[in-house]
């Protein structure tokens, strides 16, 4: 059994670690709350944008637009699939990064065609950089403090690649926070868009009395509105992933703190036993010494 001094040293080390995990928990909690607040503030604009696109599609259900092109003529095994993967810049977040990476790998195995990854987050770039996958090396975006500007730059890149037929479809893999205890990994198709996602079939009762003027034309309006809509979707994914990462880190840090407390409790018992044993040993030695003196 370790002596009291060694146990004290271990206890001090664990207490120092607890200070770090507690600090990381508080920081992650603050970041998560800010991210959720930002998302709540910006969501209404993009919901209205989605509703405006749906309104156009309801009046012109047969409209043909490049953003809705399924490209059925391209064989499945020749389709070029781009996937935006949102991981973290740091670890210590439980299985957060692992789950996103696994969903991406499973998707690449299940869906035929040529896959190209656009990875956000240092952890994901390091992981996929060591594997035999086509990853865009110039896609060097951080996931810290998501901004609308960053989402717009990402949107511009994927829209260009889609319209120029460098990619036939584009997905985004990220983590969505259901609540403080549950998170879900999501694979969402960004392009081509599906008219069903805009609830075109749900026709309001007064739609036939509604008159709208599309100027200069529906195609031109969609050319502008859809990139803005996609920017909102990607921004929402970035914020959701950021909140989920910090929530996962909070959970991991809380678990580490709880484990540290349990270890301290066990070590405290060991320390008291070691002290008691040392005191007993000293008393025994004193008594033995006294008896030896008497014999003399």
Foldseek 3Di string as FASTA:
>chain_A
DDFLVVLVVVLVVLVVVLVVLVVLLVVLVVLLVVLVVVLVVPVVVLVVLLLVLLLLCLVVVPDDALLQDLPPVQDQQAAEEEEEQEAAQDDLLPCFRVVSVVVVVVVPVVGHHAYEYLYEYNVVCVVCVVDPHHYPPVNYHYLPPFDLVNLLVVLVVVVVCCVVVVGSWYWYWAWADPDLVDIDIDIGTLGSDDSVVSVSVPDDPCSVVDDDDDPPDSRVVCVPSSSVSSSSVSSSRSSRRSSSSSSSSSVSSVVSSVVSVVVSVVSVVVSVVSVVVVVVVVVVVVVVVVVVVVVD
